[in-house]
PDB file of N, CA and C in Angstrom:
ATOM      1  N   MET A   1      -8.002  99.176  18.268  1.00  0.00           N
ATOM      2  CA  MET A   1      -8.924  99.837  17.374  1.00  0.00           C
ATOM      3  C   MET A   1      -8.979 101.314  17.772  1.00  0.00           C
ATOM      4  N   LYS A   2      -9.002 102.162  16.774  1.00  0.00           N
ATOM      5  CA  LYS A   2      -9.022 103.607  16.998  1.00  0.00           C
ATOM      6  C   LYS A   2     -10.426 104.167  16.752  1.00  0.00           C
ATOM      7  N   ALA A   3     -10.895 104.973  17.660  1.00  0.00           N
ATOM      8  CA  ALA A   3     -12.201 105.625  17.501  1.00  0.00           C
ATOM      9  C   ALA A   3     -11.979 107.127  17.453  1.00  0.00           C
ATOM     10  N   HIS A   4     -12.347 107.735  16.346  1.00  0.00           N
ATOM     11  CA  HIS A   4     -12.262 109.185  16.200  1.00  0.00           C
ATOM     12  C   HIS A   4     -13.646 109.764  16.481  1.00  0.00           C
ATOM     13  N   ASP A   5     -13.677 110.843  17.237  1.00  0.00           N
ATOM     14  CA  ASP A   5     -14.977 111.433  17.552  1.00  0.00           C
ATOM     15  C   ASP A   5     -15.091 112.872  17.067  1.00  0.00           C
ATOM     16  N   GLN A   6     -14.106 113.310  16.279  1.00  0.00           N
ATOM     17  CA  GLN A   6     -14.143 114.667  15.779  1.00  0.00           C
ATOM     18  C   GLN A   6     -13.907 114.690  14.276  1.00  0.00           C
ATOM     19  N   MET A   7     -14.217 115.845  13.679  1.00  0.00           N
ATOM     20  CA  MET A   7     -14.029 116.051  12.245  1.00  0.00           C
ATOM     21  C   MET A   7     -13.100 117.242  12.055  1.00  0.00           C
ATOM     22  N   TYR A   8     -12.250 117.181  11.021  1.00  0.00           N
ATOM     23  CA  TYR A   8     -11.321 118.273  10.739  1.00  0.00           C
ATOM     24  C   TYR A   8     -11.967 119.203   9.712  1.00  0.00           C
ATOM     25  N   ILE A   9     -12.425 120.351  10.174  1.00  0.00           N
ATOM     26  CA  ILE A   9     -13.125 121.313   9.321  1.00  0.00           C
ATOM     27  C   ILE A   9     -12.553 122.699   9.595  1.00  0.00           C
ATOM     28  N   SER A  10     -12.218 123.389   8.529  1.00  0.00           N
ATOM     29  CA  SER A  10     -11.721 124.762   8.615  1.00  0.00           C
ATOM     30  C   SER A  10     -10.456 124.872   9.462  1.00  0.00           C
ATOM     31  N   GLY A  11      -9.581 123.886   9.322  1.00  0.00           N
ATOM     32  CA  GLY A  11      -8.290 123.938  10.001  1.00  0.00           C
ATOM     33  C   GLY A  11      -8.310 123.585  11.471  1.00  0.00           C
ATOM     34  N   ALA A  12      -9.390 123.006  11.944  1.00  0.00           N
ATOM     35  CA  ALA A  12      -9.474 122.652  13.356  1.00  0.00           C
ATOM     36  C   ALA A  12     -10.320 121.388  13.554  1.00  0.00           C
ATOM     37  N   TRP A  13      -9.979 120.640  14.601  1.00  0.00           N
ATOM     38  CA  TRP A  13     -10.788 119.478  14.969  1.00  0.00           C
ATOM     39  C   TRP A  13     -11.997 119.968  15.736  1.00  0.00           C
ATOM     40  N   ARG A  14     -13.165 119.451  15.391  1.00  0.00           N
ATOM     41  CA  ARG A  14     -14.396 119.839  16.081  1.00  0.00           C
ATOM     42  C   ARG A  14     -15.289 118.620  16.221  1.00  0.00           C
ATOM     43  N   PRO A  15     -16.098 118.597  17.255  1.00  0.00           N
ATOM     44  CA  PRO A  15     -17.004 117.460  17.421  1.00  0.00           C
ATOM     45  C   PRO A  15     -18.011 117.397  16.275  1.00  0.00           C
ATOM     46  N   ALA A  16     -18.351 116.206  15.861  1.00  0.00           N
ATOM     47  CA  ALA A  16     -19.408 116.031  14.862  1.00  0.00           C
ATOM     48  C   ALA A  16     -20.738 116.399  15.504  1.00  0.00           C
ATOM     49  N   VAL A  17     -21.659 116.895  14.698  1.00  0.00           N
ATOM     50  CA  VAL A  17     -22.964 117.282  15.226  1.00  0.00           C
ATOM     51  C   VAL A  17     -23.742 116.050  15.695  1.00  0.00           C
ATOM     52  N   GLY A  18     -23.742 114.990  14.891  1.00  0.00           N
ATOM     53  CA  GLY A  18     -24.478 113.777  15.243  1.00  0.00           C
ATOM     54  C   GLY A  18     -23.639 112.801  16.051  1.00  0.00           C
ATOM     55  N   GLN A  19     -24.265 111.759  16.506  1.00  0.00           N
ATOM     56  CA  GLN A  19     -23.584 110.739  17.304  1.00  0.00           C
ATOM     57  C   GLN A  19     -23.318 109.448  16.528  1.00  0.00           C
ATOM     58  N   ASP A  20     -23.829 109.347  15.293  1.00  0.00           N
ATOM     59  CA  ASP A  20     -23.641 108.134  14.506  1.00  0.00           C
ATOM     60  C   ASP A  20     -22.188 108.001  14.056  1.00  0.00           C
ATOM     61  N   THR A  21     -21.754 106.755  13.869  1.00  0.00           N
ATOM     62  CA  THR A  21     -20.398 106.502  13.397  1.00  0.00           C
ATOM     63  C   THR A  21     -20.420 105.544  12.211  1.00  0.00           C
ATOM     64  N   ILE A  22     -19.299 105.508  11.518  1.00  0.00           N
ATOM     65  CA  ILE A  22     -19.112 104.601  10.389  1.00  0.00           C
ATOM     66  C   ILE A  22     -17.920 103.717  10.717  1.00  0.00           C
ATOM     67  N   ALA A  23     -18.081 102.416  10.558  1.00  0.00           N
ATOM     68  CA  ALA A  23     -16.989 101.479  10.802  1.00  0.00           C
ATOM     69  C   ALA A  23     -15.967 101.583   9.672  1.00  0.00           C
ATOM     70  N   VAL A  24     -14.682 101.530  10.030  1.00  0.00           N
ATOM     71  CA  VAL A  24     -13.598 101.542   9.055  1.00  0.00           C
ATOM     72  C   VAL A  24     -13.016 100.133   9.015  1.00  0.00           C
ATOM     73  N   VAL A  25     -13.026  99.541   7.822  1.00  0.00           N
ATOM     74  CA  VAL A  25     -12.588  98.157   7.657  1.00  0.00           C
ATOM     75  C   VAL A  25     -11.342  98.120   6.776  1.00  0.00           C
ATOM     76  N   ASN A  26     -10.355  97.345   7.189  1.00  0.00           N
ATOM     77  CA  ASN A  26      -9.147  97.149   6.394  1.00  0.00           C
ATOM     78  C   ASN A  26      -9.520  96.315   5.174  1.00  0.00           C
ATOM     79  N   PRO A  27      -9.327  96.837   3.961  1.00  0.00           N
ATOM     80  CA  PRO A  27      -9.737  96.088   2.778  1.00  0.00           C
ATOM     81  C   PRO A  27      -8.892  94.842   2.517  1.00  0.00           C
ATOM     82  N   ALA A  28      -7.695  94.791   3.094  1.00  0.00           N
ATOM     83  CA  ALA A  28      -6.822  93.639   2.862  1.00  0.00           C
ATOM     84  C   ALA A  28      -7.299  92.393   3.600  1.00  0.00           C
ATOM     85  N   ASP A  29      -7.778  92.587   4.837  1.00  0.00           N
ATOM     86  CA  ASP A  29      -8.182  91.412   5.620  1.00  0.00           C
ATOM     87  C   ASP A  29      -9.591  91.534   6.206  1.00  0.00           C
ATOM     88  N   GLU A  30     -10.286  92.605   5.876  1.00  0.00           N
ATOM     89  CA  GLU A  30     -11.656  92.842   6.320  1.00  0.00           C
ATOM     90  C   GLU A  30     -11.806  92.914   7.841  1.00  0.00           C
ATOM     91  N   GLN A  31     -10.737  93.305   8.516  1.00  0.00           N
ATOM     92  CA  GLN A  31     -10.793  93.477   9.967  1.00  0.00           C
ATOM     93  C   GLN A  31     -11.222  94.903  10.294  1.00  0.00           C
ATOM     94  N   LEU A  32     -12.031  95.056  11.310  1.00  0.00           N
ATOM     95  CA  LEU A  32     -12.452  96.370  11.780  1.00  0.00           C
ATOM     96  C   LEU A  32     -11.238  97.060  12.397  1.00  0.00           C
ATOM     97  N   ILE A  33     -10.917  98.267  11.916  1.00  0.00           N
ATOM     98  CA  ILE A  33      -9.747  98.978  12.438  1.00  0.00           C
ATOM     99  C   ILE A  33     -10.104 100.281  13.140  1.00  0.00           C
ATOM    100  N   GLY A  34     -11.352 100.695  13.075  1.00  0.00           N
ATOM    101  CA  GLY A  34     -11.734 101.922  13.760  1.00  0.00           C
ATOM    102  C   GLY A  34     -13.131 102.372  13.419  1.00  0.00           C
ATOM    103  N   HIS A  35     -13.472 103.527  13.969  1.00  0.00           N
ATOM    104  CA  HIS A  35     -14.757 104.174  13.699  1.00  0.00           C
ATOM    105  C   HIS A  35     -14.511 105.662  13.484  1.00  0.00           C
ATOM    106  N   VAL A  36     -15.271 106.258  12.607  1.00  0.00           N
ATOM    107  CA  VAL A  36     -15.215 107.697  12.359  1.00  0.00           C
ATOM    108  C   VAL A  36     -16.628 108.262  12.457  1.00  0.00           C
ATOM    109  N   PRO A  37     -16.745 109.554  12.736  1.00  0.00           N
ATOM    110  CA  PRO A  37     -18.087 110.150  12.812  1.00  0.00           C
ATOM    111  C   PRO A  37     -18.784 110.128  11.460  1.00  0.00           C
ATOM    112  N   ALA A  38     -20.063 109.895  11.469  1.00  0.00           N
ATOM    113  CA  ALA A  38     -20.875 110.013  10.261  1.00  0.00           C
ATOM    114  C   ALA A  38     -21.354 111.461  10.208  1.00  0.00           C
ATOM    115  N   GLY A  39     -20.894 112.181   9.221  1.00  0.00           N
ATOM    116  CA  GLY A  39     -21.237 113.594   9.124  1.00  0.00           C
ATOM    117  C   GLY A  39     -22.721 113.812   8.873  1.00  0.00           C
ATOM    118  N   THR A  40     -23.238 114.848   9.471  1.00  0.00           N
ATOM    119  CA  THR A  40     -24.633 115.241   9.262  1.00  0.00           C
ATOM    120  C   THR A  40     -24.671 116.348   8.204  1.00  0.00           C
ATOM    121  N   ALA A  41     -25.847 116.762   7.848  1.00  0.00           N
ATOM    122  CA  ALA A  41     -25.993 117.865   6.894  1.00  0.00           C
ATOM    123  C   ALA A  41     -25.326 119.129   7.444  1.00  0.00           C
ATOM    124  N   GLU A  42     -25.404 119.344   8.744  1.00  0.00           N
ATOM    125  CA  GLU A  42     -24.750 120.513   9.357  1.00  0.00           C
ATOM    126  C   GLU A  42     -23.235 120.435   9.206  1.00  0.00           C
ATOM    127  N   ASP A  43     -22.664 119.234   9.394  1.00  0.00           N
ATOM    128  CA  ASP A  43     -21.225 119.050   9.231  1.00  0.00           C
ATOM    129  C   ASP A  43     -20.812 119.333   7.783  1.00  0.00           C
ATOM    130  N   VAL A  44     -21.593 118.846   6.844  1.00  0.00           N
ATOM    131  CA  VAL A  44     -21.315 119.076   5.428  1.00  0.00           C
ATOM    132  C   VAL A  44     -21.391 120.563   5.107  1.00  0.00           C
ATOM    133  N   ASP A  45     -22.409 121.238   5.599  1.00  0.00           N
ATOM    134  CA  ASP A  45     -22.546 122.670   5.355  1.00  0.00           C
ATOM    135  C   ASP A  45     -21.339 123.436   5.893  1.00  0.00           C
ATOM    136  N   ALA A  46     -20.874 123.069   7.084  1.00  0.00           N
ATOM    137  CA  ALA A  46     -19.702 123.736   7.674  1.00  0.00           C
ATOM    138  C   ALA A  46     -18.453 123.479   6.830  1.00  0.00           C
ATOM    139  N   ALA A  47     -18.291 122.255   6.340  1.00  0.00           N
ATOM    140  CA  ALA A  47     -17.130 121.922   5.511  1.00  0.00           C
ATOM    141  C   ALA A  47     -17.174 122.658   4.176  1.00  0.00           C
ATOM    142  N   VAL A  48     -18.338 122.743   3.572  1.00  0.00           N
ATOM    143  CA  VAL A  48     -18.485 123.459   2.298  1.00  0.00           C
ATOM    144  C   VAL A  48     -18.228 124.946   2.503  1.00  0.00           C
ATOM    145  N   LYS A  49     -18.747 125.497   3.578  1.00  0.00           N
ATOM    146  CA  LYS A  49     -18.521 126.919   3.877  1.00  0.00           C
ATOM    147  C   LYS A  49     -17.034 127.190   4.045  1.00  0.00           C
ATOM    148  N   ALA A  50     -16.326 126.300   4.751  1.00  0.00           N
ATOM    149  CA  ALA A  50     -14.887 126.460   4.944  1.00  0.00           C
ATOM    150  C   ALA A  50     -14.133 126.332   3.629  1.00  0.00           C
ATOM    151  N   ALA A  51     -14.543 125.420   2.785  1.00  0.00           N
ATOM    152  CA  ALA A  51     -13.883 125.239   1.487  1.00  0.00           C
ATOM    153  C   ALA A  51     -14.094 126.462   0.595  1.00  0.00           C
ATOM    154  N   ARG A  52     -15.288 126.992   0.611  1.00  0.00           N
ATOM    155  CA  ARG A  52     -15.565 128.205  -0.201  1.00  0.00           C
ATOM    156  C   ARG A  52     -14.724 129.383   0.298  1.00  0.00           C
ATOM    157  N   ALA A  53     -14.580 129.506   1.602  1.00  0.00           N
ATOM    158  CA  ALA A  53     -13.788 130.609   2.156  1.00  0.00           C
ATOM    159  C   ALA A  53     -12.308 130.470   1.822  1.00  0.00           C
ATOM    160  N   ALA A  54     -11.862 129.238   1.593  1.00  0.00           N
ATOM    161  CA  ALA A  54     -10.444 129.002   1.293  1.00  0.00           C
ATOM    162  C   ALA A  54     -10.082 129.395  -0.137  1.00  0.00           C
ATOM    163  N   PHE A  55     -11.064 129.472  -1.016  1.00  0.00           N
ATOM    164  CA  PHE A  55     -10.835 129.805  -2.415  1.00  0.00           C
ATOM    165  C   PHE A  55     -11.557 131.103  -2.750  1.00  0.00           C
ATOM    166  N   PRO A  56     -10.788 132.191  -2.918  1.00  0.00           N
ATOM    167  CA  PRO A  56     -11.441 133.478  -3.211  1.00  0.00           C
ATOM    168  C   PRO A  56     -12.140 133.498  -4.550  1.00  0.00           C
TER     169      PRO A  56
END
C-alpha cells in the first residue's frame, strides 16, 4: 500500500497543511491501495493561486 504525504502544487511537492488523509480504493476489487492527503482550505487556496498565476 502506498501512502502519499505531499501535494503537487505550483510545480513542486509540498506537505499538506492538515494531517487528515483520504483512503484510495481500487474500484475493481474494492481493496485499499493507498492514502492521500485531505486538502485543507489553505491547500486549496495555494492551488488556486498557482493555477491563476499559470494563466495570464
